[in-house]
């Protein structure tokens, strides 16, 4: 029904991802190349037809669309009174750190993890407490609960910023793992801020579990951040949702969000989001299948490179590749790759100390670009080895 081979041409359009040299192929930032669902553009065009671009209020239908979508897709019910609008998950992260911790507090992160977590902590004069995940030889990750419990017991550490599903690892956490995280955090007065923006980019046969939904403990100690912008390729509209059933957490967060001027949406973001959530699921389902097939192309390619280990993926369109048997210097390797072949991917070092020796590759693009990227990667590896 939808043509994912025919991607949008965003060169010379002020695109963060595609503002690169003509010979370069960007497969770095978590931004899809696919054309959005037509229902989204119909909603945007309807808004534009008004003929004026004034201020907007957040309509109740925005929250109703999220509520209905999560009930249909994840069998989870949220109360509308527990929801607030935000201009994005990243602004929400920083607002949450400012609202729910104090200067000098420690904020725990399970690494490797989304690099912006580091910025939200460091820029607000809090301390980054890395708790590395356990990396297994078969390319899977587990939580080091012994280490996590130790850092949680430190009274200086007051927050966990959690990534569910994991970025860049693609890990969907199990119900038992989420319960255990909740119990440890409750026991040690740790507030959990759960970034769940990748939750609807799921491999076929897998199922994501919202942290909020697991039990009353997880519900009471957490603030969950979600957005339709990631899974529907709408990052530029700048809209998201935060929710918590803990009234004090939500009150403090919402007050900070307003202080930070991140609580009001733009003219097109509401209609686009409502259309995506209410009418875009067929597009989303097809997109997930297309991404699954792109991963199969990568897996087939890697059969010729037994020294490279692809992390087992349950979610996201991001491939997390262990290159440590070629080199531990992932930053140097990615710069070399870009310089010699034009392939632009992300060094693992950005995601914490345990990301050293890894690279992250965005596979949310056309099959043609995947094949082009793999060929460039092949050339780059050969040149790297023959230096």
Protein backbone atom coordinates (compact mmCIF):
# COMPACT_ATOMS: atom_id res chain seq x y z
CA UNK A 1 0.00 0.00 0.00
CA UNK A 2 2.86 2.38 0.84
CA UNK A 3 6.05 2.80 -1.21
CA UNK A 4 8.98 2.76 1.18
CA UNK A 5 11.45 2.34 -1.68
CA UNK A 6 10.57 5.85 -2.84
CA UNK A 7 12.10 7.94 -0.06
CA UNK A 8 11.93 11.69 0.32
CA UNK A 9 14.81 13.68 -1.18
CA UNK A 10 15.90 15.98 1.62
CA UNK A 11 19.20 17.23 0.27
CA UNK A 12 19.40 21.02 0.37
CA UNK A 13 16.25 21.30 2.49
CA UNK A 14 17.83 22.35 5.84
CA UNK A 15 17.77 18.69 6.92
CA UNK A 16 19.97 17.89 9.91
CA UNK A 17 20.54 14.40 8.56
CA UNK A 18 21.01 15.21 4.89
CA UNK A 19 23.01 18.43 5.11
CA UNK A 20 26.08 16.54 3.94
CA UNK A 21 28.38 16.44 0.94
CA UNK A 22 26.89 15.24 -2.35
CA UNK A 23 28.84 11.97 -2.26
CA UNK A 24 27.95 11.15 1.34
CA UNK A 25 25.30 8.72 2.56
CA UNK A 26 24.05 9.64 6.06
CA UNK A 27 22.94 6.70 8.20
CA UNK A 28 23.54 8.27 11.59
CA UNK A 29 20.85 10.31 13.41
CA UNK A 30 17.59 8.54 14.36
CA UNK A 31 15.53 10.12 11.59
CA UNK A 32 13.77 8.06 8.90
CA UNK A 33 14.00 8.71 5.16
CA UNK A 34 10.52 7.36 4.48
CA UNK A 35 7.70 9.59 3.31
CA UNK A 36 5.17 10.16 6.07
CA UNK A 37 1.74 8.59 5.99
CA UNK A 38 -0.47 10.61 3.61
CA UNK A 39 -3.07 11.01 6.35
CA UNK A 40 -0.58 13.20 8.22
CA UNK A 41 -0.13 15.56 5.29
CA UNK A 42 -3.89 15.71 4.77
CA UNK A 43 -4.23 16.95 8.35
CA UNK A 44 -1.42 19.46 7.92
CA UNK A 45 -2.89 20.78 4.67
CA UNK A 46 -6.25 21.15 6.35
CA UNK A 47 -4.63 23.29 9.03
CA UNK A 48 -2.76 25.37 6.45
CA UNK A 49 -5.98 26.00 4.53
CA UNK A 50 -7.15 28.19 7.42
CA UNK A 51 -4.86 30.86 5.97
CA UNK A 52 -3.31 32.10 9.22
CA UNK A 53 -0.58 30.66 11.43
CA UNK A 54 -1.54 31.82 14.91
CA UNK A 55 -1.12 30.51 18.43
CA UNK A 56 -2.79 27.21 19.31
CA UNK A 57 -4.21 25.60 22.41
CA UNK A 58 -3.62 21.92 23.11
CA UNK A 59 -6.94 20.23 22.24
CA UNK A 60 -8.30 17.45 24.40
CA UNK A 61 -8.41 15.33 21.24
CA UNK A 62 -4.59 15.27 21.33
CA UNK A 63 -4.65 13.37 24.63
CA UNK A 64 -7.61 11.25 23.55
CA UNK A 65 -5.69 10.12 20.45
CA UNK A 66 -2.74 8.97 22.58
CA UNK A 67 -5.03 7.22 25.05
CA UNK A 68 -6.90 5.34 22.30
CA UNK A 69 -3.70 4.42 20.44
CA UNK A 70 -2.03 2.88 23.48
CA UNK A 71 -5.19 1.02 24.43
CA UNK A 72 -5.41 -0.48 20.93
CA UNK A 73 -1.73 -1.18 20.43
CA UNK A 74 -0.46 -2.05 23.90
CA UNK A 75 -3.59 -2.82 25.89
CA UNK A 76 -2.61 -0.14 28.38
CA UNK A 77 -4.97 2.55 29.65
CA UNK A 78 -3.76 6.02 30.63
CA UNK A 79 -5.86 8.66 32.36
CA UNK A 80 -6.05 11.90 30.43
CA UNK A 81 -5.60 13.88 33.65
CA UNK A 82 -2.18 12.21 34.04
CA UNK A 83 -0.97 13.62 30.69
CA UNK A 84 0.74 16.88 29.74
CA UNK A 85 1.93 18.18 26.38
CA UNK A 86 5.59 18.92 25.74
CA UNK A 87 7.48 20.13 22.68
CA UNK A 88 9.64 17.00 22.74
CA UNK A 89 11.11 14.14 24.71
CA UNK A 90 14.53 15.83 24.86
CA UNK A 91 13.19 19.10 26.35
CA UNK A 92 11.15 16.96 28.74
CA UNK A 93 14.25 15.10 29.89
CA UNK A 94 16.01 18.31 30.84
CA UNK A 95 12.89 19.76 32.47
CA UNK A 96 12.48 16.54 34.48
CA UNK A 97 16.07 16.67 35.69
CA UNK A 98 15.61 20.28 36.81
CA UNK A 99 12.21 19.62 38.41
CA UNK A 100 12.84 16.34 40.19
CA UNK A 101 16.50 16.51 41.29
CA UNK A 102 18.81 19.09 42.83
CA UNK A 103 22.11 20.50 41.62
CA UNK A 104 24.85 18.02 42.52
CA UNK A 105 22.56 15.00 42.61
CA UNK A 106 23.56 11.83 40.81
CA UNK A 107 21.43 10.62 37.90
CA UNK A 108 21.81 6.96 36.98
CA UNK A 109 21.87 5.76 33.36
CA UNK A 110 22.25 2.19 32.09
CA UNK A 111 24.86 2.40 29.36
CA UNK A 112 25.29 2.23 26.42
CA UNK A 113 22.37 4.62 26.10
CA UNK A 114 21.09 7.61 24.14
CA UNK A 115 23.79 10.28 24.19
CA UNK A 116 21.39 13.14 24.99
CA UNK A 117 20.87 11.64 28.46
CA UNK A 118 24.44 12.67 29.23
CA UNK A 119 23.76 16.23 28.07
CA UNK A 120 20.55 16.59 30.08
CA UNK A 121 22.40 15.56 33.22
CA UNK A 122 25.69 17.39 32.70
CA UNK A 123 24.19 20.64 31.41
CA UNK A 124 22.03 20.90 34.53
CA UNK A 125 24.98 20.45 36.90
CA UNK A 126 24.00 16.98 38.02
CA UNK A 127 26.41 14.05 38.13
CA UNK A 128 26.35 11.26 35.54
CA UNK A 129 26.31 7.85 37.19
CA UNK A 130 27.00 5.22 34.53
CA UNK A 131 25.85 1.72 35.34
CA UNK A 132 27.01 -0.37 32.37
CA UNK A 133 24.79 -3.14 31.05
CA UNK A 134 26.24 -6.63 30.85
CA UNK A 135 27.29 -7.41 27.26
CA UNK A 136 27.11 -11.09 26.37
CA UNK A 137 29.22 -12.80 23.72
CA UNK A 138 26.14 -13.67 21.65
CA UNK A 139 25.34 -10.00 21.12
CA UNK A 140 22.73 -9.51 23.83
CA UNK A 141 22.54 -7.19 26.84
CA UNK A 142 21.33 -7.68 30.40
CA UNK A 143 20.98 -5.33 33.35
CA UNK A 144 23.70 -5.71 35.98
CA UNK A 145 21.29 -5.67 38.90
CA UNK A 146 24.02 -6.11 41.50
CA UNK A 147 25.77 -2.97 40.24
CA UNK A 148 22.48 -1.15 39.81
CA UNK A 149 21.41 -1.84 43.38
CA UNK A 150 24.74 -0.51 44.67
CA UNK A 151 24.45 2.83 42.84
CA UNK A 152 20.76 3.09 43.79
CA UNK A 153 21.70 2.77 47.47
CA UNK A 154 23.91 5.87 47.26
CA UNK A 155 21.78 8.63 48.80
CA UNK A 156 23.34 11.18 46.45
CA UNK A 157 21.68 9.44 43.48
CA UNK A 158 18.04 10.45 43.14
CA UNK A 159 16.96 9.64 39.57
CA UNK A 160 17.20 6.92 36.94
CA UNK A 161 16.78 8.00 33.33
CA UNK A 162 15.67 4.79 31.70
CA UNK A 163 15.44 3.96 27.99
CA UNK A 164 12.61 1.53 27.13
CA UNK A 165 13.16 0.09 24.57
CA UNK A 166 16.90 0.62 24.64
CA UNK A 167 18.67 2.98 22.26
CA UNK A 168 21.14 2.00 20.82
CA UNK A 169 20.85 -1.62 22.00
CA UNK A 170 17.36 -2.30 20.64
CA UNK A 171 16.58 -4.19 23.86
CA UNK A 172 12.98 -4.62 25.01
CA UNK A 173 12.99 -5.10 28.78
CA UNK A 174 10.94 -7.93 30.26
CA UNK A 175 8.18 -7.51 32.82
CA UNK A 176 10.34 -9.15 35.50
CA UNK A 177 13.21 -6.76 34.76
CA UNK A 178 10.91 -3.74 34.94
CA UNK A 179 9.42 -4.96 38.23
CA UNK A 180 12.90 -5.40 39.69
CA UNK A 181 13.96 -1.91 38.56
CA UNK A 182 10.82 -0.49 40.14
CA UNK A 183 11.36 -2.31 43.43
CA UNK A 184 14.98 -1.17 43.72
CA UNK A 185 14.10 2.44 42.86
CA UNK A 186 11.13 2.51 45.24
CA UNK A 187 13.24 1.13 48.08
CA UNK A 188 15.91 3.80 47.52
CA UNK A 189 13.67 6.80 46.71
CA UNK A 190 14.81 6.95 43.09
CA UNK A 191 12.50 8.67 40.61
CA UNK A 192 12.37 6.93 37.22
CA UNK A 193 12.11 9.00 34.05
CA UNK A 194 11.39 6.51 31.28
CA UNK A 195 12.08 7.56 27.70
CA UNK A 196 9.83 5.31 25.60
CA UNK A 197 9.93 7.16 22.27
CA UNK A 198 11.06 4.07 20.30
CA UNK A 199 8.26 1.90 21.69
CA UNK A 200 6.32 1.42 18.44
CA UNK A 201 9.29 0.53 16.23
CA UNK A 202 9.16 -3.14 17.07
CA UNK A 203 10.46 -6.28 15.39
CA UNK A 204 7.75 -8.70 14.29
CA UNK A 205 6.90 -11.12 17.10
CA UNK A 206 8.20 -8.86 19.87
CA UNK A 207 6.13 -6.92 22.40
CA UNK A 208 7.08 -3.78 24.28
CA UNK A 209 5.96 -3.31 27.90
CA UNK A 210 5.51 0.27 29.19
CA UNK A 211 7.27 0.82 32.51
CA UNK A 212 4.18 2.65 33.78
CA UNK A 213 1.95 -0.37 33.16
CA UNK A 214 3.80 -3.05 35.11
CA UNK A 215 2.45 -2.46 38.62
CA UNK A 216 1.46 0.24 41.09
CA UNK A 217 5.06 0.71 42.26
CA UNK A 218 6.34 1.51 38.77
CA UNK A 219 3.33 3.71 38.14
CA UNK A 220 3.85 5.70 41.34
CA UNK A 221 7.59 6.43 41.03
CA UNK A 222 7.80 7.32 37.36
CA UNK A 223 7.39 9.92 34.66
CA UNK A 224 7.01 8.42 31.18
CA UNK A 225 7.97 10.33 28.03
CA UNK A 226 6.47 9.26 24.69
CA UNK A 227 5.92 10.74 21.26
CA UNK A 228 4.40 9.79 17.94
CA UNK A 229 7.11 11.75 16.16
CA UNK A 230 9.70 8.96 16.17
CA UNK A 231 7.62 6.09 14.83
CA UNK A 232 5.73 8.25 12.30
CA UNK A 233 8.81 10.20 11.12
CA UNK A 234 7.60 13.62 12.29
CA UNK A 235 10.51 14.84 14.44
CA UNK A 236 10.29 18.29 12.89
CA UNK A 237 6.81 19.04 14.26
CA UNK A 238 8.12 19.06 17.85
CA UNK A 239 5.40 17.45 19.95
CA UNK A 240 5.36 14.81 22.66
CA UNK A 241 3.53 13.62 25.75
CA UNK A 242 4.56 13.14 29.36
CA UNK A 243 2.52 11.19 31.86
CA UNK A 244 2.55 10.25 35.50
CA UNK A 245 -0.13 9.09 37.91
CA UNK A 246 1.95 10.55 40.75
CA UNK A 247 0.36 13.97 41.13
CA UNK A 248 3.37 15.53 42.82
CA UNK A 249 5.79 14.32 40.13
CA UNK A 250 3.46 15.60 37.43
CA UNK A 251 2.89 18.93 39.17
CA UNK A 252 6.59 19.64 39.63
CA UNK A 253 7.41 18.53 36.11
CA UNK A 254 4.61 20.55 34.52
CA UNK A 255 5.59 23.67 36.43
CA UNK A 256 9.20 23.31 35.23
CA UNK A 257 8.05 22.60 31.68
CA UNK A 258 6.13 25.88 31.67
CA UNK A 259 9.08 27.73 33.19
CA UNK A 260 11.21 26.34 30.37
CA UNK A 261 8.60 27.46 27.80
CA UNK A 262 8.21 23.92 26.44
CA UNK A 263 4.52 23.43 27.18
CA UNK A 264 2.90 24.94 24.08
CA UNK A 265 2.67 23.37 20.65
CA UNK A 266 2.93 24.93 17.23
CA UNK A 267 0.20 25.41 14.64
CA UNK A 268 0.57 22.05 12.88
CA UNK A 269 1.77 19.65 15.57
CA UNK A 270 -1.61 18.77 17.09
CA UNK A 271 -3.44 17.92 13.89
CA UNK A 272 -0.47 15.95 12.54
CA UNK A 273 -0.14 13.90 15.73
CA UNK A 274 -3.87 13.20 16.00
CA UNK A 275 -3.97 12.06 12.37
CA UNK A 276 -0.94 9.81 12.83
CA UNK A 277 -2.31 8.12 15.95
CA UNK A 278 -5.89 7.79 14.69
CA UNK A 279 -5.26 6.95 11.04
CA UNK A 280 -1.61 5.94 10.59
CA UNK A 281 -1.35 2.42 12.00
CA UNK A 282 -1.43 0.70 8.62
CA UNK A 283 1.56 2.81 7.56
CA UNK A 284 3.33 2.06 10.86
CA UNK A 285 2.82 -1.69 10.49
CA UNK A 286 4.20 -1.68 6.95
CA UNK A 287 7.14 0.49 7.98
CA UNK A 288 8.09 -1.97 10.71
CA UNK A 289 8.03 -4.86 8.23
CA UNK A 290 10.20 -2.89 5.81
CA UNK A 291 12.74 -2.16 8.54
CA UNK A 292 12.74 -5.85 9.53
CA UNK A 293 13.67 -6.70 5.94
CA UNK A 294 16.47 -4.12 6.02
CA UNK A 295 17.88 -5.87 9.08
CA UNK A 296 17.77 -9.15 7.20
CA UNK A 297 19.90 -7.56 4.47
CA UNK A 298 22.42 -6.49 7.10
CA UNK A 299 22.42 -9.93 8.72
CA UNK A 300 23.05 -11.60 5.35
CA UNK A 301 25.90 -9.16 4.64
CA UNK A 302 27.52 -9.87 8.02
CA UNK A 303 27.81 -13.61 7.26
CA UNK A 304 31.00 -12.68 5.42
CA UNK A 305 32.30 -10.85 8.50
CA UNK A 306 32.24 -13.26 11.47
CA UNK A 307 34.42 -10.83 13.39
CA UNK A 308 31.55 -8.31 13.46
CA UNK A 309 28.73 -9.01 15.93
CA UNK A 310 25.29 -7.50 15.45
CA UNK A 311 23.46 -6.92 18.72
CA UNK A 312 20.23 -8.90 18.93
CA UNK A 313 17.46 -6.41 18.16
CA UNK A 314 13.89 -6.41 19.41
CA UNK A 315 13.09 -2.75 18.75
CA UNK A 316 14.21 0.47 17.01
CA UNK A 317 15.54 0.83 13.46
CA UNK A 318 19.08 1.22 14.79
CA UNK A 319 21.71 -1.46 14.26
CA UNK A 320 24.25 -1.69 17.10
CA UNK A 321 27.36 -3.37 15.73
CA UNK A 322 30.35 -4.66 17.68
CA UNK A 323 33.49 -3.88 15.64
CA UNK A 324 35.96 -4.47 18.48
CA UNK A 325 37.68 -7.38 16.71
CA UNK A 326 38.59 -4.93 13.94
CA UNK A 327 39.23 -1.94 16.19
CA UNK A 328 38.24 -0.51 19.55
CA UNK A 329 38.63 3.01 18.19
CA UNK A 330 35.09 3.48 16.90
CA UNK A 331 35.39 7.25 16.66
CA UNK A 332 38.51 6.99 14.50
CA UNK A 333 36.91 4.21 12.44
CA UNK A 334 33.72 6.16 11.67
CA UNK A 335 35.72 9.24 10.67
CA UNK A 336 37.86 7.05 8.39
CA UNK A 337 34.75 5.46 6.90
CA UNK A 338 33.18 8.83 6.15
CA UNK A 339 36.36 10.24 4.68
CA UNK A 340 37.14 7.25 2.46
CA UNK A 341 33.67 6.08 1.42
CA UNK A 342 31.19 8.83 2.29
CA UNK A 343 29.26 6.54 4.66
CA UNK A 344 28.24 8.54 7.74
CA UNK A 345 27.42 6.43 10.80
CA UNK A 346 27.76 7.06 14.54
CA UNK A 347 30.64 6.03 16.79
CA UNK A 348 29.65 4.01 19.83
CA UNK A 349 31.65 6.19 22.21
CA UNK A 350 28.78 8.71 22.16
CA UNK A 351 26.63 6.31 24.17
CA UNK A 352 28.94 5.87 27.12
CA UNK A 353 32.21 4.17 28.00
CA UNK A 354 30.77 0.74 27.17
CA UNK A 355 30.01 1.93 23.62
CA UNK A 356 33.69 1.90 22.74
CA UNK A 357 34.28 -0.60 19.93
CA UNK A 358 30.73 -0.27 18.58
CA UNK A 359 29.00 1.71 15.84
CA UNK A 360 25.33 2.62 15.37
CA UNK A 361 23.73 2.46 11.92
CA UNK A 362 20.28 3.81 11.02
CA UNK A 363 18.42 1.32 8.79
CA UNK A 364 15.23 3.36 8.33
CA UNK A 365 15.88 4.08 4.69
CA UNK A 366 15.29 2.55 1.29
CA UNK A 367 16.58 -0.88 0.28
CA UNK A 368 18.73 0.87 -2.35
CA UNK A 369 20.38 3.00 0.33
CA UNK A 370 20.91 -0.05 2.54
CA UNK A 371 22.70 -1.88 -0.27
CA UNK A 372 24.72 1.25 -1.09
CA UNK A 373 25.64 1.67 2.56
CA UNK A 374 26.70 -1.96 2.94
CA UNK A 375 28.89 -1.72 -0.13
CA UNK A 376 30.53 1.42 1.26
CA UNK A 377 31.01 -0.32 4.60
CA UNK A 378 32.65 -3.27 2.82
CA UNK A 379 35.05 -0.96 1.00
CA UNK A 380 35.78 0.93 4.22
CA UNK A 381 36.57 -2.22 6.21
CA UNK A 382 38.92 -3.41 3.48
CA UNK A 383 40.72 -0.06 3.39
CA UNK A 384 40.91 0.05 7.19
CA UNK A 385 42.49 -3.40 7.35
CA UNK A 386 45.04 -2.56 4.65
CA UNK A 387 46.21 0.74 6.15
